[in-house]
Protein backbone atom coordinates (compact mmCIF):
# COMPACT_ATOMS: atom_id res chain seq x y z
CA UNK A 1 -26.41 -29.82 34.43
CA UNK A 2 -23.03 -30.76 32.96
CA UNK A 3 -24.75 -32.76 30.23
CA UNK A 4 -26.97 -29.78 29.44
CA UNK A 5 -23.93 -27.53 29.00
CA UNK A 6 -22.41 -30.04 26.62
CA UNK A 7 -25.59 -30.05 24.57
CA UNK A 8 -25.76 -26.27 24.25
CA UNK A 9 -22.06 -26.15 23.37
CA UNK A 10 -22.59 -28.76 20.66
CA UNK A 11 -25.56 -26.86 19.25
CA UNK A 12 -23.52 -23.66 19.06
CA UNK A 13 -20.66 -25.50 17.33
CA UNK A 14 -23.03 -27.12 14.85
CA UNK A 15 -24.87 -23.93 13.93
CA UNK A 16 -21.60 -21.98 13.66
CA UNK A 17 -20.37 -24.58 11.18
CA UNK A 18 -23.54 -24.30 9.11
CA UNK A 19 -23.34 -20.50 8.96
CA UNK A 20 -19.73 -20.75 7.78
CA UNK A 21 -20.72 -23.17 5.01
CA UNK A 22 -23.24 -20.71 3.65
CA UNK A 23 -20.55 -18.30 2.49
CA UNK A 24 -17.18 -18.32 0.78
CA UNK A 25 -14.78 -18.10 3.75
CA UNK A 26 -11.38 -16.47 3.78
CA UNK A 27 -9.79 -19.46 5.49
CA UNK A 28 -10.62 -22.53 3.42
CA UNK A 29 -9.22 -26.03 4.03
CA UNK A 30 -7.16 -24.63 6.89
CA UNK A 31 -6.70 -28.12 8.33
CA UNK A 32 -4.14 -28.63 5.55
CA UNK A 33 -1.98 -25.83 7.01
CA UNK A 34 -1.58 -27.37 10.45
CA UNK A 35 1.40 -29.47 9.39
CA UNK A 36 2.71 -32.98 9.93
CA UNK A 37 5.81 -34.32 11.66
CA UNK A 38 7.27 -33.35 15.02
CA UNK A 39 10.42 -31.98 13.41
CA UNK A 40 8.59 -29.52 11.18
CA UNK A 41 6.25 -28.33 13.93
CA UNK A 42 9.13 -27.77 16.34
CA UNK A 43 10.84 -25.65 13.66
CA UNK A 44 7.79 -23.39 13.37
CA UNK A 45 6.64 -25.02 10.10
CA UNK A 46 9.68 -23.59 8.27
CA UNK A 47 10.14 -26.77 6.30
CA UNK A 48 9.87 -26.04 2.57
CA UNK A 49 13.61 -26.09 1.88
CA UNK A 50 14.55 -28.96 4.21
CA UNK A 51 11.72 -31.48 3.82
CA UNK A 52 13.66 -34.66 3.08
CA UNK A 53 11.59 -37.62 4.22
CA UNK A 54 8.11 -39.12 3.89
CA UNK A 55 6.50 -35.95 5.31
CA UNK A 56 7.75 -34.01 2.27
CA UNK A 57 4.61 -35.22 0.52
CA UNK A 58 2.82 -32.66 2.67
CA UNK A 59 5.37 -29.83 2.85
CA UNK A 60 7.10 -29.90 -0.52
CA UNK A 61 6.80 -33.00 -2.73
CA UNK A 62 10.22 -32.31 -4.27
CA UNK A 63 11.79 -33.24 -0.92
CA UNK A 64 10.76 -36.86 -1.43
CA UNK A 65 13.84 -37.17 -3.65
CA UNK A 66 15.94 -37.31 -0.46
CA UNK A 67 14.26 -40.42 0.96
CA UNK A 68 17.22 -42.74 1.55
CA UNK A 69 15.40 -45.95 2.44
CA UNK A 70 13.85 -48.42 0.04
CA UNK A 71 10.51 -47.74 1.71
CA UNK A 72 9.55 -45.23 4.40
CA UNK A 73 6.48 -44.80 6.58
CA UNK A 74 5.55 -41.96 8.93
CA UNK A 75 2.78 -41.50 11.50
CA UNK A 76 1.65 -38.65 13.76
CA UNK A 77 -1.10 -38.12 16.30
CA UNK A 78 -2.08 -34.85 17.91
CA UNK A 79 -4.91 -33.79 20.20
CA UNK A 80 -6.01 -30.27 21.06
CA UNK A 81 -8.52 -28.61 23.40
CA UNK A 82 -8.31 -31.38 26.03
CA UNK A 83 -8.55 -34.10 23.40
CA UNK A 84 -11.69 -32.76 21.70
CA UNK A 85 -9.98 -32.24 18.33
CA UNK A 86 -7.92 -35.14 16.99
CA UNK A 87 -5.46 -34.86 14.11
CA UNK A 88 -3.92 -37.99 12.55
CA UNK A 89 -1.42 -38.48 9.74
CA UNK A 90 -0.13 -41.57 7.93
CA UNK A 91 2.38 -41.36 5.09
CA UNK A 92 4.26 -43.69 2.74
CA UNK A 93 7.18 -43.08 0.38
CA UNK A 94 8.54 -45.55 -2.18
CA UNK A 95 11.64 -44.67 -4.22
CA UNK A 96 12.27 -46.59 -7.45
CA UNK A 97 14.48 -46.33 -10.51
CA UNK A 98 13.15 -45.78 -14.02
CA UNK A 99 15.25 -44.87 -17.07
CA UNK A 100 18.37 -44.81 -14.86
CA UNK A 101 16.92 -42.08 -12.67
CA UNK A 102 15.56 -42.18 -9.12
CA UNK A 103 11.90 -41.37 -8.75
CA UNK A 104 9.65 -41.43 -5.69
CA UNK A 105 5.98 -42.13 -5.16
CA UNK A 106 4.26 -40.98 -1.98
CA UNK A 107 0.90 -41.28 -0.31
CA UNK A 108 -0.33 -39.21 2.64
CA UNK A 109 -3.61 -39.54 4.52
CA UNK A 110 -4.80 -36.90 7.00
CA UNK A 111 -7.86 -36.76 9.23
CA UNK A 112 -8.86 -33.99 11.60
CA UNK A 113 -12.11 -34.39 13.45
CA UNK A 114 -14.33 -33.91 16.45
CA UNK A 115 -16.24 -37.06 17.39
CA UNK A 116 -19.27 -37.85 19.55
CA UNK A 117 -20.95 -34.45 19.16
CA UNK A 118 -24.54 -34.51 20.52
CA UNK A 119 -27.18 -33.78 17.90
CA UNK A 120 -29.87 -31.89 19.84
CA UNK A 121 -32.02 -30.72 16.94
CA UNK A 122 -34.75 -33.12 18.07
CA UNK A 123 -34.21 -32.68 21.79
CA UNK A 124 -37.72 -31.25 22.25
CA UNK A 125 -40.88 -33.17 21.51
CA UNK A 126 -43.82 -31.50 19.76
CA UNK A 127 -45.43 -30.78 23.13
CA UNK A 128 -42.27 -28.96 24.31
CA UNK A 129 -41.07 -31.74 26.61
CA UNK A 130 -37.35 -32.57 26.66
CA UNK A 131 -36.54 -36.12 25.56
CA UNK A 132 -32.88 -37.01 25.91
CA UNK A 133 -33.49 -40.27 24.04
CA UNK A 134 -33.75 -38.17 20.87
CA UNK A 135 -30.15 -37.01 21.27
CA UNK A 136 -27.79 -38.83 18.90
CA UNK A 137 -24.07 -38.39 18.20
CA UNK A 138 -22.23 -37.42 15.05
CA UNK A 139 -18.73 -36.43 13.90
CA UNK A 140 -17.33 -33.42 12.10
CA UNK A 141 -14.24 -34.47 10.16
CA UNK A 142 -11.92 -33.28 7.40
CA UNK A 143 -10.04 -35.85 5.30
CA UNK A 144 -7.27 -35.46 2.75
CA UNK A 145 -5.57 -38.01 0.55
CA UNK A 146 -2.37 -36.77 -1.13
CA UNK A 147 -0.72 -38.70 -3.96
CA UNK A 148 2.84 -37.46 -4.58
CA UNK A 149 5.49 -37.91 -7.26
CA UNK A 150 9.07 -36.61 -7.27
CA UNK A 151 12.25 -36.84 -9.32
CA UNK A 152 15.39 -34.88 -10.11
CA UNK A 153 15.62 -32.92 -13.36
CA UNK A 154 17.00 -34.94 -16.23
CA UNK A 155 19.04 -32.15 -17.86
CA UNK A 156 22.65 -32.52 -18.89
CA UNK A 157 25.03 -30.37 -16.82
CA UNK A 158 27.99 -28.76 -18.55
CA UNK A 159 31.36 -28.97 -16.88
CA UNK A 160 31.68 -25.99 -14.56
CA UNK A 161 28.07 -25.01 -15.20
CA UNK A 162 24.85 -25.31 -13.27
CA UNK A 163 24.32 -28.78 -11.79
CA UNK A 164 20.76 -29.72 -12.68
CA UNK A 165 21.07 -32.96 -10.73
CA UNK A 166 20.81 -30.84 -7.57
CA UNK A 167 17.32 -29.71 -8.56
CA UNK A 168 14.40 -31.85 -7.47
CA UNK A 169 10.80 -31.36 -8.53
CA UNK A 170 7.56 -32.90 -7.37
CA UNK A 171 3.80 -32.66 -7.50
CA UNK A 172 0.72 -33.61 -5.49
CA UNK A 173 -2.80 -34.58 -6.40
CA UNK A 174 -5.05 -33.86 -3.40
CA UNK A 175 -8.44 -35.40 -2.77
CA UNK A 176 -10.39 -33.66 0.00
CA UNK A 177 -13.50 -34.88 1.78
CA UNK A 178 -15.23 -32.91 4.52
CA UNK A 179 -18.19 -34.29 6.44
CA UNK A 180 -20.59 -33.02 9.11
CA UNK A 181 -22.53 -36.06 10.27
CA UNK A 182 -25.38 -36.83 7.91
CA UNK A 183 -26.12 -33.13 7.45
CA UNK A 184 -23.42 -32.02 5.02
CA UNK A 185 -20.44 -33.22 3.04
CA UNK A 186 -18.05 -31.84 0.47
CA UNK A 187 -15.57 -33.15 -2.09
CA UNK A 188 -12.66 -31.22 -3.49
CA UNK A 189 -9.60 -31.73 -5.68
CA UNK A 190 -6.36 -29.76 -5.80
CA UNK A 191 -2.83 -29.75 -7.20
CA UNK A 192 0.47 -28.77 -5.54
CA UNK A 193 3.87 -28.31 -7.18
CA UNK A 194 7.27 -28.03 -5.54
CA UNK A 195 10.98 -27.67 -6.22
CA UNK A 196 14.19 -27.85 -4.20
CA UNK A 197 17.77 -26.93 -4.94
CA UNK A 198 20.43 -28.39 -2.66
CA UNK A 199 24.12 -27.62 -2.26
CA UNK A 200 26.61 -29.09 0.19
CA UNK A 201 25.42 -26.94 3.09
CA UNK A 202 22.42 -24.99 1.84
CA UNK A 203 19.05 -25.55 0.25
CA UNK A 204 16.28 -23.53 -1.37
CA UNK A 205 12.65 -24.55 -1.61
CA UNK A 206 9.61 -23.39 -3.53
CA UNK A 207 6.10 -24.78 -3.10
CA UNK A 208 2.89 -23.86 -4.90
CA UNK A 209 -0.11 -25.07 -2.91
CA UNK A 210 -3.51 -25.32 -4.61
CA UNK A 211 -1.93 -23.89 -7.75
CA UNK A 212 -5.09 -24.43 -9.83
CA UNK A 213 -7.28 -23.31 -6.90
CA UNK A 214 -9.10 -26.04 -4.99
CA UNK A 215 -12.88 -26.12 -5.11
CA UNK A 216 -14.93 -27.93 -2.46
CA UNK A 217 -18.48 -28.67 -3.58
CA UNK A 218 -20.81 -28.78 -0.57
CA UNK A 219 -24.14 -30.57 -0.42
CA UNK A 220 -26.59 -30.50 2.50
CA UNK A 221 -29.28 -32.93 3.61
CA UNK A 222 -31.89 -31.85 6.15
CA UNK A 223 -35.24 -33.34 7.01
CA UNK A 224 -38.20 -31.00 6.91
CA UNK A 225 -38.60 -30.92 10.68
CA UNK A 226 -34.89 -30.09 11.05
CA UNK A 227 -35.29 -27.18 8.64
CA UNK A 228 -38.21 -25.91 10.71
CA UNK A 229 -36.13 -26.04 13.89
CA UNK A 230 -33.27 -24.14 12.26
CA UNK A 231 -35.69 -21.55 10.91
CA UNK A 232 -37.49 -21.11 14.24
CA UNK A 233 -34.19 -20.58 16.07
CA UNK A 234 -33.10 -17.89 13.61
CA UNK A 235 -30.33 -19.91 11.97
CA UNK A 236 -29.37 -19.98 8.33
CA UNK A 237 -30.42 -23.05 6.41
CA UNK A 238 -27.42 -23.68 4.15
CA UNK A 239 -27.83 -24.62 0.52
CA UNK A 240 -25.56 -26.48 -1.87
CA UNK A 241 -22.54 -24.28 -2.58
CA UNK A 242 -18.84 -24.21 -3.40
CA UNK A 243 -15.85 -23.19 -1.30
CA UNK A 244 -12.67 -22.00 -3.02
CA UNK A 245 -9.10 -22.33 -1.75
CA UNK A 246 -6.83 -19.83 -3.48
CA UNK A 247 -3.18 -20.58 -4.33
CA UNK A 248 -0.46 -20.22 -1.71
CA UNK A 249 3.22 -19.72 -2.56
CA UNK A 250 5.91 -20.67 -0.05
CA UNK A 251 9.56 -19.67 -0.42
CA UNK A 252 12.10 -21.35 1.84
CA UNK A 253 15.84 -21.30 2.48
CA UNK A 254 18.13 -23.15 4.89
CA UNK A 255 21.81 -23.38 5.71
CA UNK A 256 23.67 -25.94 7.82
CA UNK A 257 27.05 -25.79 9.54
CA UNK A 258 28.45 -29.25 10.22
CA UNK A 259 31.59 -30.76 11.72
CA UNK A 260 32.29 -34.17 10.25
CA UNK A 261 33.40 -37.21 12.22
CA UNK A 262 37.13 -37.74 12.01
CA UNK A 263 38.97 -41.05 12.21
CA UNK A 264 35.69 -42.96 12.45
CA UNK A 265 34.29 -45.61 10.15
CA UNK A 266 30.60 -44.72 9.79
CA UNK A 267 27.69 -45.26 7.46
CA UNK A 268 27.90 -42.71 4.61
CA UNK A 269 24.33 -41.70 5.49
CA UNK A 270 25.43 -40.42 8.92
CA UNK A 271 28.67 -38.43 8.88
CA UNK A 272 28.01 -35.32 11.00
CA UNK A 273 29.39 -35.09 14.52
CA UNK A 274 27.90 -31.68 15.26
CA UNK A 275 25.45 -29.71 13.14
CA UNK A 276 23.62 -26.42 13.39
CA UNK A 277 20.97 -25.50 10.86
CA UNK A 278 18.80 -22.43 10.38
CA UNK A 279 15.71 -22.36 8.16
CA UNK A 280 13.17 -19.73 7.14
CA UNK A 281 9.96 -19.74 5.12
CA UNK A 282 7.79 -16.99 3.69
CA UNK A 283 4.21 -18.10 3.10
CA UNK A 284 2.37 -15.90 0.60
CA UNK A 285 -1.42 -16.29 0.64
CA UNK A 286 -3.68 -14.84 -2.07
CA UNK A 287 -7.14 -15.08 -0.50
CA UNK A 288 -7.33 -11.59 0.97
CA UNK A 289 -6.10 -9.68 3.98
CA UNK A 290 -5.04 -11.90 6.87
CA UNK A 291 -3.84 -11.04 10.34
CA UNK A 292 -0.18 -11.63 9.51
CA UNK A 293 2.99 -9.62 10.00
CA UNK A 294 2.82 -8.37 6.41
CA UNK A 295 -0.68 -8.03 4.95
CA UNK A 296 -2.39 -6.37 2.01
CA UNK A 297 -5.86 -6.31 0.54
CA UNK A 298 -5.22 -9.34 -1.65
CA UNK A 299 -1.85 -10.78 -0.54
CA UNK A 300 -0.48 -11.55 2.92
CA UNK A 301 2.98 -12.78 3.89
CA UNK A 302 3.55 -14.97 6.94
CA UNK A 303 7.20 -15.64 7.92
CA UNK A 304 8.27 -18.76 9.80
CA UNK A 305 11.73 -19.66 11.07
CA UNK A 306 13.52 -22.37 12.99
CA UNK A 307 16.89 -23.63 14.24
CA UNK A 308 18.10 -27.18 14.78
CA UNK A 309 21.21 -28.42 16.62
CA UNK A 310 22.29 -32.03 16.19
CA UNK A 311 24.87 -34.35 17.75
CA UNK A 312 26.14 -37.40 15.85
CA UNK A 313 22.93 -37.42 13.82
CA UNK A 314 21.43 -39.14 16.84
CA UNK A 315 19.82 -36.42 18.96
CA UNK A 316 18.44 -33.06 17.86
CA UNK A 317 17.22 -30.01 19.74
CA UNK A 318 14.89 -27.66 17.87
CA UNK A 319 13.13 -24.31 18.25
CA UNK A 320 10.95 -22.25 15.94
CA UNK A 321 8.97 -19.05 15.65
CA UNK A 322 5.67 -18.89 13.80
CA UNK A 323 2.23 -17.27 13.84
CA UNK A 324 3.48 -13.69 13.71
CA UNK A 325 0.47 -11.44 14.22
CA UNK A 326 -0.57 -7.88 15.00
CA UNK A 327 -2.81 -7.48 18.05
CA UNK A 328 -4.31 -4.52 19.87
CA UNK A 329 -2.38 -3.17 22.85
CA UNK A 330 -4.45 -3.77 26.00
CA UNK A 331 -3.02 -0.62 27.54
CA UNK A 332 -3.63 1.52 24.47
CA UNK A 333 -6.25 0.17 21.98
CA UNK A 334 -5.13 2.74 19.41
CA UNK A 335 -1.82 0.89 19.08
CA UNK A 336 -0.96 -2.58 17.83
CA UNK A 337 1.69 -4.99 18.98
CA UNK A 338 3.50 -7.71 17.06
CA UNK A 339 3.27 -11.17 18.62
CA UNK A 340 4.64 -14.56 17.67
CA UNK A 341 4.42 -18.15 18.79
CA UNK A 342 7.54 -20.08 19.92
CA UNK A 343 7.70 -23.83 19.38
CA UNK A 344 10.19 -26.33 20.78
CA UNK A 345 11.11 -29.94 20.24
CA UNK A 346 13.62 -32.76 20.31
CA UNK A 347 14.31 -35.70 18.05
CA UNK A 348 16.09 -39.01 18.31
CA UNK A 349 17.24 -41.00 15.30
CA UNK A 350 18.65 -44.52 15.35
CA UNK A 351 19.61 -45.50 11.82
CA UNK A 352 16.29 -45.60 9.93
CA UNK A 353 14.04 -44.97 12.93
CA UNK A 354 13.27 -41.40 14.00
CA UNK A 355 11.08 -40.31 16.91
CA UNK A 356 10.27 -36.60 17.05
CA UNK A 357 8.51 -34.54 19.71
CA UNK A 358 7.21 -30.98 19.49
CA UNK A 359 5.65 -28.64 22.00
CA UNK A 360 3.63 -26.60 19.55
CA UNK A 361 0.34 -24.89 18.93
CA UNK A 362 -0.59 -26.32 15.52
CA UNK A 363 -3.47 -24.71 13.73
CA UNK A 364 -4.39 -22.26 16.48
CA UNK A 365 -3.62 -18.67 17.34
CA UNK A 366 -5.01 -18.90 20.87
CA UNK A 367 -2.26 -18.30 23.45
CA UNK A 368 -1.50 -21.13 25.82
CA UNK A 369 -3.17 -23.84 23.72
CA UNK A 370 0.00 -25.90 23.29
CA UNK A 371 -0.05 -29.58 22.43
CA UNK A 372 2.41 -32.41 22.88
CA UNK A 373 2.97 -33.76 19.38
CA UNK A 374 4.74 -37.04 18.67
CA UNK A 375 5.63 -38.48 15.29
CA UNK A 376 7.43 -41.63 14.20
CA UNK A 377 9.29 -42.36 10.98
CA UNK A 378 10.64 -45.79 9.99
CA UNK A 379 12.67 -46.66 6.93
CA UNK A 380 12.98 -50.16 5.53
CA UNK A 381 15.79 -51.46 3.32
CA UNK A 382 15.73 -54.64 1.27
CA UNK A 383 19.12 -55.46 2.73
CA UNK A 384 18.26 -57.31 5.94
CA UNK A 385 21.38 -55.97 7.61
CA UNK A 386 19.99 -52.45 7.44
CA UNK A 387 16.32 -53.14 7.87
CA UNK A 388 14.78 -51.75 11.02
């Protein structure tokens, strides 16, 4: 009986996916909005202005300019819905010097998928008998490869004028592959651009996601008997089509209060004794009206905010607010209420090794569906004394 329920659930999931492919959805490539890194998720995804490590390749490629190590790697694993959905991230960042200026190359790989889904399209024989031997398994997965490049602006700064060396820019080339077993697959390509401006205590960030629009080209492969089954059960038989991801603009700002260590000889990389930082993002989507705090017919604005307290640049405590929405009041359906999602987390950093944890609800608006997210970042220096 339990196995039967799993089969019917899988069929519903499969057919729902096919019906979504047959149209141009409002939410396209949403798996690329879930986010990477325990720090960012704990801060409610308000990370555009403060992305400063290998994960900046995802959030704002300009932030890669702040990678301090000679080479940096980051990993993250997350599971949702009792482990049914798995989300994995692997990132690399490599700073180098060309023409007397620091530049950074980055590579990020993301996979989100559901594995071992029963394919029950051939569960019934021609005589109507059930044959469980005909049930096979397949995966539904989304993949993204992101190639990043960043550098500071190479403009001369006049004495007393604007310091262009504080401005970092970056760009991404995204390659997207989405696959539903042997039934359907899509390829897409997109471009992101980003910029950051940093002062002693503050920072501003600007990211343009899918600035040229990202187009996924879907193709479908069904056998004739599978088409007959879909038709007999009243389901849409999808045809080759395209799916468009419209541009998203993200504005971010952050400010940090810090008390420096006094009378201590420390690594110049780590000078803060206490720190308190606040950060806020405004995500502007252009694909139509969304259920966000501020929404219009063509543009919606989704705010995100977070706060981080640190001690000796060793341990950090974080909290964030995200997923602001308007919902109907259960007591009075004619009224709406504003809701939001709180996230929490901690982080520990020992020189070039950082372990971050977040209690968050990435990629979902369902209440109570929180996940324990862990991410690890390791920096390597050519100097063996600093290598971790």
